[in-house]
C-alpha atoms as a PDB file:
ATOM      1  CA  MET A   1     175.757 148.125 141.874  1.00  0.00           C
ATOM      2  CA  LEU A   2     178.909 150.151 141.406  1.00  0.00           C
ATOM      3  CA  ILE A   3     181.027 148.006 143.743  1.00  0.00           C
ATOM      4  CA  HIS A   4     180.171 145.102 141.420  1.00  0.00           C
ATOM      5  CA  THR A   5     180.984 147.106 138.299  1.00  0.00           C
ATOM      6  CA  PHE A   6     184.207 146.402 136.393  1.00  0.00           C
ATOM      7  CA  SER A   7     183.342 147.679 132.921  1.00  0.00           C
ATOM      8  CA  HIS A   8     184.559 151.188 133.736  1.00  0.00           C
ATOM      9  CA  LEU A   9     188.069 149.814 134.256  1.00  0.00           C
ATOM     10  CA  ARG A  10     190.565 149.773 131.404  1.00  0.00           C
ATOM     11  CA  GLY A  11     190.742 146.420 129.670  1.00  0.00           C
ATOM     12  CA  ILE A  12     187.370 145.172 130.910  1.00  0.00           C
ATOM     13  CA  GLY A  13     184.274 145.442 128.744  1.00  0.00           C
ATOM     14  CA  ILE A  14     180.720 144.266 129.319  1.00  0.00           C
ATOM     15  CA  LYS A  15     181.311 140.699 128.120  1.00  0.00           C
ATOM     16  CA  ARG A  16     184.480 140.293 130.146  1.00  0.00           C
ATOM     17  CA  GLU A  17     182.735 141.751 133.188  1.00  0.00           C
ATOM     18  CA  ALA A  18     179.969 139.141 132.859  1.00  0.00           C
ATOM     19  CA  ALA A  19     182.577 136.389 132.538  1.00  0.00           C
ATOM     20  CA  LEU A  20     184.230 137.584 135.755  1.00  0.00           C
ATOM     21  CA  TRP A  21     180.881 137.557 137.574  1.00  0.00           C
ATOM     22  CA  ASN A  22     180.209 134.022 136.340  1.00  0.00           C
ATOM     23  CA  SER A  23     183.593 132.917 137.666  1.00  0.00           C
ATOM     24  CA  GLY A  24     182.757 134.232 141.141  1.00  0.00           C
ATOM     25  CA  VAL A  25     184.561 137.565 140.919  1.00  0.00           C
ATOM     26  CA  LEU A  26     181.798 139.847 142.201  1.00  0.00           C
ATOM     27  CA  THR A  27     183.388 142.904 143.828  1.00  0.00           C
ATOM     28  CA  TRP A  28     186.371 145.188 143.456  1.00  0.00           C
ATOM     29  CA  ASP A  29     188.096 143.332 146.322  1.00  0.00           C
ATOM     30  CA  ASP A  30     187.514 140.010 144.533  1.00  0.00           C
ATOM     31  CA  LEU A  31     189.033 141.450 141.379  1.00  0.00           C
ATOM     32  CA  LEU A  32     192.129 142.709 143.172  1.00  0.00           C
ATOM     33  CA  GLY A  33     192.643 139.295 144.663  1.00  0.00           C
ATOM     34  CA  LYS A  34     192.325 137.573 141.294  1.00  0.00           C
ATOM     35  CA  ALA A  35     194.288 140.080 139.213  1.00  0.00           C
ATOM     36  CA  PRO A  36     197.382 137.861 138.795  1.00  0.00           C
ATOM     37  CA  CYS A  37     195.151 135.233 137.159  1.00  0.00           C
ATOM     38  CA  TYR A  38     193.965 137.579 134.417  1.00  0.00           C
ATOM     39  CA  PRO A  39     196.688 138.846 132.049  1.00  0.00           C
ATOM     40  CA  PHE A  40     194.278 141.278 130.384  1.00  0.00           C
ATOM     41  CA  ILE A  41     194.025 143.334 133.586  1.00  0.00           C
ATOM     42  CA  SER A  42     196.201 146.442 133.566  1.00  0.00           C
ATOM     43  CA  HIS A  43     198.969 146.880 136.127  1.00  0.00           C
ATOM     44  CA  THR A  44     197.225 150.090 137.140  1.00  0.00           C
ATOM     45  CA  LEU A  45     194.181 148.158 138.349  1.00  0.00           C
ATOM     46  CA  ALA A  46     194.824 148.906 142.027  1.00  0.00           C
ATOM     47  CA  ASP A  47     195.058 152.643 141.283  1.00  0.00           C
ATOM     48  CA  GLN A  48     191.861 152.558 139.223  1.00  0.00           C
ATOM     49  CA  ILE A  49     189.952 150.778 141.977  1.00  0.00           C
ATOM     50  CA  ALA A  50     191.342 153.187 144.588  1.00  0.00           C
ATOM     51  CA  ASP A  51     190.080 156.071 142.432  1.00  0.00           C
ATOM     52  CA  SER A  52     186.725 154.309 142.081  1.00  0.00           C
ATOM     53  CA  ARG A  53     186.377 153.916 145.844  1.00  0.00           C
ATOM     54  CA  LEU A  54     187.145 157.583 146.357  1.00  0.00           C
ATOM     55  CA  ALA A  55     184.621 158.612 143.704  1.00  0.00           C
ATOM     56  CA  LEU A  56     181.980 156.411 145.307  1.00  0.00           C
ATOM     57  CA  GLU A  57     182.658 157.885 148.756  1.00  0.00           C
ATOM     58  CA  ARG A  58     182.235 161.363 147.281  1.00  0.00           C
ATOM     59  CA  HIS A  59     179.072 160.339 145.385  1.00  0.00           C
ATOM     60  CA  ASP A  60     180.895 161.410 142.233  1.00  0.00           C
ATOM     61  CA  VAL A  61     178.740 159.553 139.718  1.00  0.00           C
ATOM     62  CA  VAL A  62     180.163 161.641 136.871  1.00  0.00           C
ATOM     63  CA  TYR A  63     183.480 159.806 137.394  1.00  0.00           C
ATOM     64  CA  PHE A  64     181.750 156.537 136.504  1.00  0.00           C
ATOM     65  CA  ALA A  65     179.612 158.070 133.747  1.00  0.00           C
ATOM     66  CA  ARG A  66     182.756 159.181 131.927  1.00  0.00           C
ATOM     67  CA  ARG A  67     184.013 155.603 131.933  1.00  0.00           C
ATOM     68  CA  LEU A  68     180.822 153.604 131.342  1.00  0.00           C
ATOM     69  CA  PRO A  69     178.993 153.151 128.039  1.00  0.00           C
ATOM     70  CA  LEU A  70     175.671 155.024 127.841  1.00  0.00           C
ATOM     71  CA  SER A  71     173.787 151.725 127.926  1.00  0.00           C
ATOM     72  CA  GLU A  72     175.101 151.137 131.449  1.00  0.00           C
ATOM     73  CA  TYR A  73     174.104 154.475 133.001  1.00  0.00           C
ATOM     74  CA  TRP A  74     171.230 152.658 134.734  1.00  0.00           C
ATOM     75  CA  ARG A  75     173.844 151.527 137.282  1.00  0.00           C
ATOM     76  CA  LEU A  76     174.148 155.145 138.476  1.00  0.00           C
ATOM     77  CA  PHE A  77     170.448 155.609 139.168  1.00  0.00           C
ATOM     78  CA  PRO A  78     170.410 154.551 142.874  1.00  0.00           C
ATOM     79  CA  TYR A  79     173.261 156.953 143.603  1.00  0.00           C
ATOM     80  CA  CYS A  80     171.317 159.943 142.232  1.00  0.00           C
ATOM     81  CA  HIS A  81     167.984 159.455 144.003  1.00  0.00           C
ATOM     82  CA  ASP A  82     168.328 162.799 145.773  1.00  0.00           C
ATOM     83  CA  SER A  83     169.169 164.658 142.539  1.00  0.00           C
ATOM     84  CA  VAL A  84     167.140 163.109 139.733  1.00  0.00           C
ATOM     85  CA  VAL A  85     164.490 164.784 137.603  1.00  0.00           C
ATOM     86  CA  TYR A  86     161.979 163.149 135.258  1.00  0.00           C
ATOM     87  CA  MET A  87     161.136 165.384 132.322  1.00  0.00           C
ATOM     88  CA  ASP A  88     158.624 165.517 129.506  1.00  0.00           C
ATOM     89  CA  ILE A  89     157.842 168.285 127.029  1.00  0.00           C
ATOM     90  CA  GLU A  90     155.018 169.011 124.588  1.00  0.00           C
ATOM     91  CA  CYS A  91     155.485 170.917 121.334  1.00  0.00           C
ATOM     92  CA  ASP A  92     153.519 172.427 118.463  1.00  0.00           C
ATOM     93  CA  HIS A  93     154.525 172.836 114.807  1.00  0.00           C
ATOM     94  CA  VAL A  94     157.290 170.246 115.226  1.00  0.00           C
ATOM     95  CA  GLY A  95     159.951 170.512 112.545  1.00  0.00           C
ATOM     96  CA  GLN A  96     158.558 173.762 111.166  1.00  0.00           C
ATOM     97  CA  PRO A  97     160.186 177.211 111.351  1.00  0.00           C
ATOM     98  CA  HIS A  98     157.614 178.346 113.922  1.00  0.00           C
ATOM     99  CA  GLU A  99     158.039 175.268 116.138  1.00  0.00           C
ATOM    100  CA  LEU A 100     157.589 175.937 119.843  1.00  0.00           C
ATOM    101  CA  ILE A 101     157.599 174.177 123.184  1.00  0.00           C
ATOM    102  CA  THR A 102     154.150 174.484 124.730  1.00  0.00           C
ATOM    103  CA  THR A 103     154.588 172.905 128.170  1.00  0.00           C
ATOM    104  CA  VAL A 104     157.295 171.206 130.226  1.00  0.00           C
ATOM    105  CA  ALA A 105     156.624 168.894 133.175  1.00  0.00           C
ATOM    106  CA  LEU A 106     159.263 168.021 135.777  1.00  0.00           C
ATOM    107  CA  PHE A 107     159.084 165.563 138.669  1.00  0.00           C
ATOM    108  CA  ASP A 108     161.932 164.942 141.103  1.00  0.00           C
ATOM    109  CA  GLY A 109     160.316 162.207 143.174  1.00  0.00           C
ATOM    110  CA  ARG A 110     158.833 164.799 145.523  1.00  0.00           C
ATOM    111  CA  GLN A 111     157.851 167.970 143.695  1.00  0.00           C
ATOM    112  CA  ILE A 112     155.861 168.352 140.465  1.00  0.00           C
ATOM    113  CA  ILE A 113     156.574 171.461 138.389  1.00  0.00           C
ATOM    114  CA  SER A 114     154.747 172.538 135.235  1.00  0.00           C
ATOM    115  CA  TYR A 115     155.943 175.308 132.914  1.00  0.00           C
ATOM    116  CA  VAL A 116     153.894 176.938 130.152  1.00  0.00           C
ATOM    117  CA  ASN A 117     155.024 178.863 127.095  1.00  0.00           C
ATOM    118  CA  GLY A 118     154.234 182.532 127.454  1.00  0.00           C
ATOM    119  CA  ILE A 119     153.985 182.285 131.241  1.00  0.00           C
ATOM    120  CA  ASP A 120     157.098 180.878 132.876  1.00  0.00           C
ATOM    121  CA  LEU A 121     158.877 178.566 130.392  1.00  0.00           C
ATOM    122  CA  PRO A 122     162.315 180.278 130.660  1.00  0.00           C
ATOM    123  CA  LYS A 123     162.500 179.225 134.322  1.00  0.00           C
ATOM    124  CA  VAL A 124     162.921 175.595 133.296  1.00  0.00           C
ATOM    125  CA  VAL A 125     166.640 176.109 132.601  1.00  0.00           C
ATOM    126  CA  ALA A 126     167.483 177.192 136.161  1.00  0.00           C
ATOM    127  CA  THR A 127     165.358 174.410 137.618  1.00  0.00           C
ATOM    128  CA  LEU A 128     166.951 171.659 135.549  1.00  0.00           C
ATOM    129  CA  SER A 129     170.440 172.871 136.467  1.00  0.00           C
ATOM    130  CA  ARG A 130     169.805 171.808 140.079  1.00  0.00           C
ATOM    131  CA  TYR A 131     169.707 168.098 139.193  1.00  0.00           C
ATOM    132  CA  ARG A 132     172.554 165.728 138.377  1.00  0.00           C
ATOM    133  CA  LEU A 133     170.535 163.102 136.495  1.00  0.00           C
ATOM    134  CA  TRP A 134     167.832 163.818 133.919  1.00  0.00           C
ATOM    135  CA  ILE A 135     165.509 161.027 132.812  1.00  0.00           C
ATOM    136  CA  THR A 136     163.405 161.239 129.670  1.00  0.00           C
ATOM    137  CA  PHE A 137     161.689 159.008 127.145  1.00  0.00           C
ATOM    138  CA  ASN A 138     163.201 159.603 123.703  1.00  0.00           C
ATOM    139  CA  GLY A 139     164.754 162.738 125.142  1.00  0.00           C
ATOM    140  CA  ALA A 140     168.023 162.314 123.253  1.00  0.00           C
ATOM    141  CA  GLN A 141     166.139 162.715 119.978  1.00  0.00           C
ATOM    142  CA  PHE A 142     163.301 165.011 121.030  1.00  0.00           C
ATOM    143  CA  ASP A 143     163.198 166.755 124.422  1.00  0.00           C
ATOM    144  CA  LEU A 144     166.829 167.796 124.809  1.00  0.00           C
ATOM    145  CA  PRO A 145     167.385 169.115 121.267  1.00  0.00           C
ATOM    146  CA  LYS A 146     164.157 171.141 121.528  1.00  0.00           C
ATOM    147  CA  LEU A 147     165.172 172.600 124.883  1.00  0.00           C
ATOM    148  CA  ARG A 148     168.635 173.436 123.582  1.00  0.00           C
ATOM    149  CA  ARG A 149     167.149 175.210 120.585  1.00  0.00           C
ATOM    150  CA  HIS A 150     164.336 177.101 122.261  1.00  0.00           C
ATOM    151  CA  CYS A 151     165.639 177.617 125.808  1.00  0.00           C
ATOM    152  CA  ARG A 152     169.410 177.532 125.255  1.00  0.00           C
ATOM    153  CA  LEU A 153     169.653 174.645 127.649  1.00  0.00           C
ATOM    154  CA  SER A 154     173.095 173.152 128.255  1.00  0.00           C
ATOM    155  CA  ALA A 155     173.601 169.417 128.081  1.00  0.00           C
ATOM    156  CA  PRO A 156     173.080 167.596 131.413  1.00  0.00           C
ATOM    157  CA  ALA A 157     175.939 165.957 133.255  1.00  0.00           C
ATOM    158  CA  LEU A 158     173.988 162.700 133.192  1.00  0.00           C
ATOM    159  CA  HIS A 159     171.013 161.666 131.075  1.00  0.00           C
ATOM    160  CA  ILE A 160     169.145 158.368 130.792  1.00  0.00           C
ATOM    161  CA  ASP A 161     166.883 158.022 127.765  1.00  0.00           C
ATOM    162  CA  LEU A 162     164.420 155.297 128.742  1.00  0.00           C
ATOM    163  CA  LYS A 163     163.500 154.521 125.153  1.00  0.00           C
ATOM    164  CA  LYS A 164     167.121 153.591 124.453  1.00  0.00           C
ATOM    165  CA  LEU A 165     167.514 151.757 127.747  1.00  0.00           C
ATOM    166  CA  PHE A 166     164.413 149.610 127.231  1.00  0.00           C
ATOM    167  CA  HIS A 167     165.549 148.882 123.672  1.00  0.00           C
ATOM    168  CA  HIS A 168     168.935 147.771 125.031  1.00  0.00           C
ATOM    169  CA  LEU A 169     167.073 145.474 127.452  1.00  0.00           C
ATOM    170  CA  GLY A 170     165.050 143.957 124.620  1.00  0.00           C
ATOM    171  CA  VAL A 171     161.786 145.772 125.368  1.00  0.00           C
ATOM    172  CA  GLN A 172     160.305 147.576 122.373  1.00  0.00           C
ATOM    173  CA  GLY A 173     157.567 150.164 122.090  1.00  0.00           C
ATOM    174  CA  GLY A 174     156.641 153.753 122.720  1.00  0.00           C
ATOM    175  CA  LEU A 175     155.809 155.356 126.034  1.00  0.00           C
ATOM    176  CA  LYS A 176     152.097 154.510 125.997  1.00  0.00           C
ATOM    177  CA  LYS A 177     152.774 150.856 125.148  1.00  0.00           C
ATOM    178  CA  LEU A 178     155.292 150.533 127.967  1.00  0.00           C
ATOM    179  CA  GLU A 179     152.890 152.197 130.412  1.00  0.00           C
ATOM    180  CA  THR A 180     150.316 149.516 129.569  1.00  0.00           C
ATOM    181  CA  GLN A 181     152.908 146.748 129.791  1.00  0.00           C
ATOM    182  CA  PHE A 182     153.950 147.838 133.276  1.00  0.00           C
ATOM    183  CA  GLY A 183     150.433 148.469 134.553  1.00  0.00           C
ATOM    184  CA  LEU A 184     150.434 152.271 134.596  1.00  0.00           C
ATOM    185  CA  ASP A 185     146.996 153.862 134.413  1.00  0.00           C
ATOM    186  CA  ARG A 186     146.423 157.181 132.657  1.00  0.00           C
ATOM    187  CA  GLY A 187     142.837 157.499 133.891  1.00  0.00           C
ATOM    188  CA  PRO A 188     140.708 159.832 131.743  1.00  0.00           C
ATOM    189  CA  LEU A 189     143.750 160.555 129.601  1.00  0.00           C
ATOM    190  CA  THR A 190     143.885 156.986 128.322  1.00  0.00           C
ATOM    191  CA  GLY A 191     143.846 157.256 124.550  1.00  0.00           C
ATOM    192  CA  ALA A 192     145.290 160.769 124.454  1.00  0.00           C
ATOM    193  CA  ASP A 193     148.498 161.123 122.455  1.00  0.00           C
ATOM    194  CA  GLY A 194     150.930 163.785 121.338  1.00  0.00           C
ATOM    195  CA  TYR A 195     148.543 165.104 118.712  1.00  0.00           C
ATOM    196  CA  ALA A 196     145.866 165.502 121.393  1.00  0.00           C
ATOM    197  CA  ALA A 197     148.358 167.670 123.275  1.00  0.00           C
ATOM    198  CA  VAL A 198     148.805 169.815 120.159  1.00  0.00           C
ATOM    199  CA  ARG A 199     145.043 170.191 119.762  1.00  0.00           C
ATOM    200  CA  LEU A 200     144.658 171.142 123.429  1.00  0.00           C
ATOM    201  CA  TRP A 201     147.301 173.856 123.057  1.00  0.00           C
ATOM    202  CA  ARG A 202     145.717 175.249 119.917  1.00  0.00           C
ATOM    203  CA  ARG A 203     142.296 175.237 121.560  1.00  0.00           C
ATOM    204  CA  PHE A 204     143.762 177.148 124.498  1.00  0.00           C
ATOM    205  CA  GLN A 205     145.420 179.669 122.169  1.00  0.00           C
ATOM    206  CA  LEU A 206     142.201 180.172 120.211  1.00  0.00           C
ATOM    207  CA  THR A 207     139.723 180.396 123.094  1.00  0.00           C
ATOM    208  CA  GLN A 208     141.901 181.107 126.172  1.00  0.00           C
ATOM    209  CA  CYS A 209     139.941 178.264 127.758  1.00  0.00           C
ATOM    210  CA  GLY A 210     141.591 177.533 131.112  1.00  0.00           C
ATOM    211  CA  LYS A 211     140.266 173.975 131.116  1.00  0.00           C
ATOM    212  CA  SER A 212     142.064 173.244 127.838  1.00  0.00           C
ATOM    213  CA  LEU A 213     145.372 174.345 129.337  1.00  0.00           C
ATOM    214  CA  GLU A 214     144.641 172.460 132.566  1.00  0.00           C
ATOM    215  CA  THR A 215     143.979 169.290 130.569  1.00  0.00           C
ATOM    216  CA  LEU A 216     147.178 169.759 128.574  1.00  0.00           C
ATOM    217  CA  ARG A 217     149.195 170.197 131.756  1.00  0.00           C
ATOM    218  CA  ALA A 218     147.559 167.086 133.235  1.00  0.00           C
ATOM    219  CA  TYR A 219     148.584 165.128 130.125  1.00  0.00           C
ATOM    220  CA  ASN A 220     152.140 166.462 130.256  1.00  0.00           C
ATOM    221  CA  VAL A 221     152.553 165.843 133.990  1.00  0.00           C
ATOM    222  CA  ILE A 222     151.297 162.254 133.919  1.00  0.00           C
ATOM    223  CA  ASP A 223     154.020 161.432 131.398  1.00  0.00           C
ATOM    224  CA  ALA A 224     156.676 162.802 133.762  1.00  0.00           C
ATOM    225  CA  LEU A 225     155.178 161.002 136.765  1.00  0.00           C
ATOM    226  CA  HIS A 226     155.167 157.660 134.964  1.00  0.00           C
ATOM    227  CA  LEU A 227     158.826 158.006 134.011  1.00  0.00           C
ATOM    228  CA  GLU A 228     159.807 157.330 137.620  1.00  0.00           C
ATOM    229  CA  ARG A 229     158.111 153.932 137.679  1.00  0.00           C
ATOM    230  CA  LEU A 230     159.402 153.096 134.213  1.00  0.00           C
ATOM    231  CA  MET A 231     162.952 153.978 135.285  1.00  0.00           C
ATOM    232  CA  ILE A 232     162.659 151.632 138.253  1.00  0.00           C
ATOM    233  CA  ALA A 233     161.176 148.924 136.019  1.00  0.00           C
ATOM    234  CA  ALA A 234     164.100 149.294 133.599  1.00  0.00           C
ATOM    235  CA  TYR A 235     166.623 149.276 136.450  1.00  0.00           C
ATOM    236  CA  ASN A 236     165.132 146.096 137.906  1.00  0.00           C
ATOM    237  CA  LEU A 237     165.109 144.421 134.488  1.00  0.00           C
ATOM    238  CA  ALA A 238     168.777 145.301 134.050  1.00  0.00           C
ATOM    239  CA  VAL A 239     169.636 144.014 137.525  1.00  0.00           C
ATOM    240  CA  GLU A 240     167.887 140.732 136.716  1.00  0.00           C
ATOM    241  CA  GLN A 241     170.575 140.140 134.098  1.00  0.00           C
ATOM    242  CA  THR A 242     173.284 140.193 136.783  1.00  0.00           C
ATOM    243  CA  PRO A 243     174.056 137.868 139.723  1.00  0.00           C
ATOM    244  CA  PHE A 244     172.848 140.593 142.118  1.00  0.00           C
ATOM    245  CA  SER A 245     169.154 140.629 141.257  1.00  0.00           C
ATOM    246  CA  GLU A 246     167.564 139.928 144.623  1.00  0.00           C
ATOM    247  CA  GLN A 247     169.749 142.229 146.690  1.00  0.00           C
ATOM    248  CA  LEU A 248     169.698 145.251 144.395  1.00  0.00           C
ATOM    249  CA  LYS A 249     166.122 145.511 143.100  1.00  0.00           C
ATOM    250  CA  ILE A 250     164.299 148.745 143.955  1.00  0.00           C
ATOM    251  CA  ALA A 251     160.741 148.874 145.281  1.00  0.00           C
ATOM    252  CA  TYR A 252     158.225 151.111 143.557  1.00  0.00           C
ATOM    253  CA  PRO A 253     157.327 154.293 145.450  1.00  0.00           C
ATOM    254  CA  THR A 254     153.811 155.651 145.640  1.00  0.00           C
ATOM    255  CA  THR A 255     153.118 157.938 142.690  1.00  0.00           C
ATOM    256  CA  PRO A 256     151.746 161.304 143.856  1.00  0.00           C
ATOM    257  CA  ALA A 257     148.435 162.625 142.587  1.00  0.00           C
ATOM    258  CA  ASN A 258     148.478 164.713 139.450  1.00  0.00           C
ATOM    259  CA  PRO A 259     147.887 168.337 140.554  1.00  0.00           C
ATOM    260  CA  PHE A 260     146.109 169.053 137.261  1.00  0.00           C
ATOM    261  CA  THR A 261     142.707 167.694 136.254  1.00  0.00           C
ATOM    262  CA  ALA A 262     141.803 166.592 132.758  1.00  0.00           C
ATOM    263  CA  ASP A 263     138.403 167.895 131.708  1.00  0.00           C
ATOM    264  CA  ARG A 264     136.326 165.010 130.371  1.00  0.00           C
ATOM    265  CA  ASP A 265     134.080 167.260 128.253  1.00  0.00           C
ATOM    266  CA  ILE A 266     137.062 168.755 126.455  1.00  0.00           C
ATOM    267  CA  LEU A 267     138.577 165.313 125.927  1.00  0.00           C
ATOM    268  CA  ALA A 268     135.244 164.094 124.543  1.00  0.00           C
ATOM    269  CA  ALA A 269     135.184 167.052 122.156  1.00  0.00           C
ATOM    270  CA  LEU A 270     138.570 165.829 120.879  1.00  0.00           C
ATOM    271  CA  GLY A 271     137.200 162.330 120.445  1.00  0.00           C
ATOM    272  CA  ILE A 272     138.902 160.939 123.578  1.00  0.00           C
ATOM    273  CA  ASP A 273     136.573 159.206 126.036  1.00  0.00           C
END
């Protein structure tokens, strides 16, 4: 997608980029050839495109991120497939002085990692630092501020908040609604929500019941696993709004099995069945 992208160049915004596409200007080479026809294009265009080619050869997606609006970060996704992490966190006492992160689930397309408060939560910072692109749902408002506060996490180089991206694409709703819309099955955890995660944590703290913690981790992990398919769904929706839809769409990978098992008896005790 980046070789078709002009909106990171000075003087070209999203609307003007779309107008260029509609006129048949589809690549950087096309744009160089047509530059004399467009007075709004800077005389430094050739230098900017040369810099863009070099950044692309080096897989320097940060170069483009610094020049693209946040709503267009989806274009960078295919170039980060080997360094992307999907993240979801659960919390208790949100907004209160004794607020805490209970669990964090990470998925990088291959490995699933689950961290638990009081066991290994501090390790999440070192793990996240290995990835260039972080993907969350409502992470800009929830996950990242909580991790900064409680784990002293630095801001990522690149972050895609799927809630904001879907909103930009005209698709409304929370995570559970979007999972249903895109055919994602939560199995026995269907009907469980963030408050169920709080109740599972408190049950674990009160009783030290391993099955309560296992169920909480299963709930947390399935959110992270589903973010991969939702990211691809959002990317494909965005691509559909360009002239490059058929050639750039991404196929859905097979979602790995959740390594944690939700206990049906505990869910039933919480009124989830």
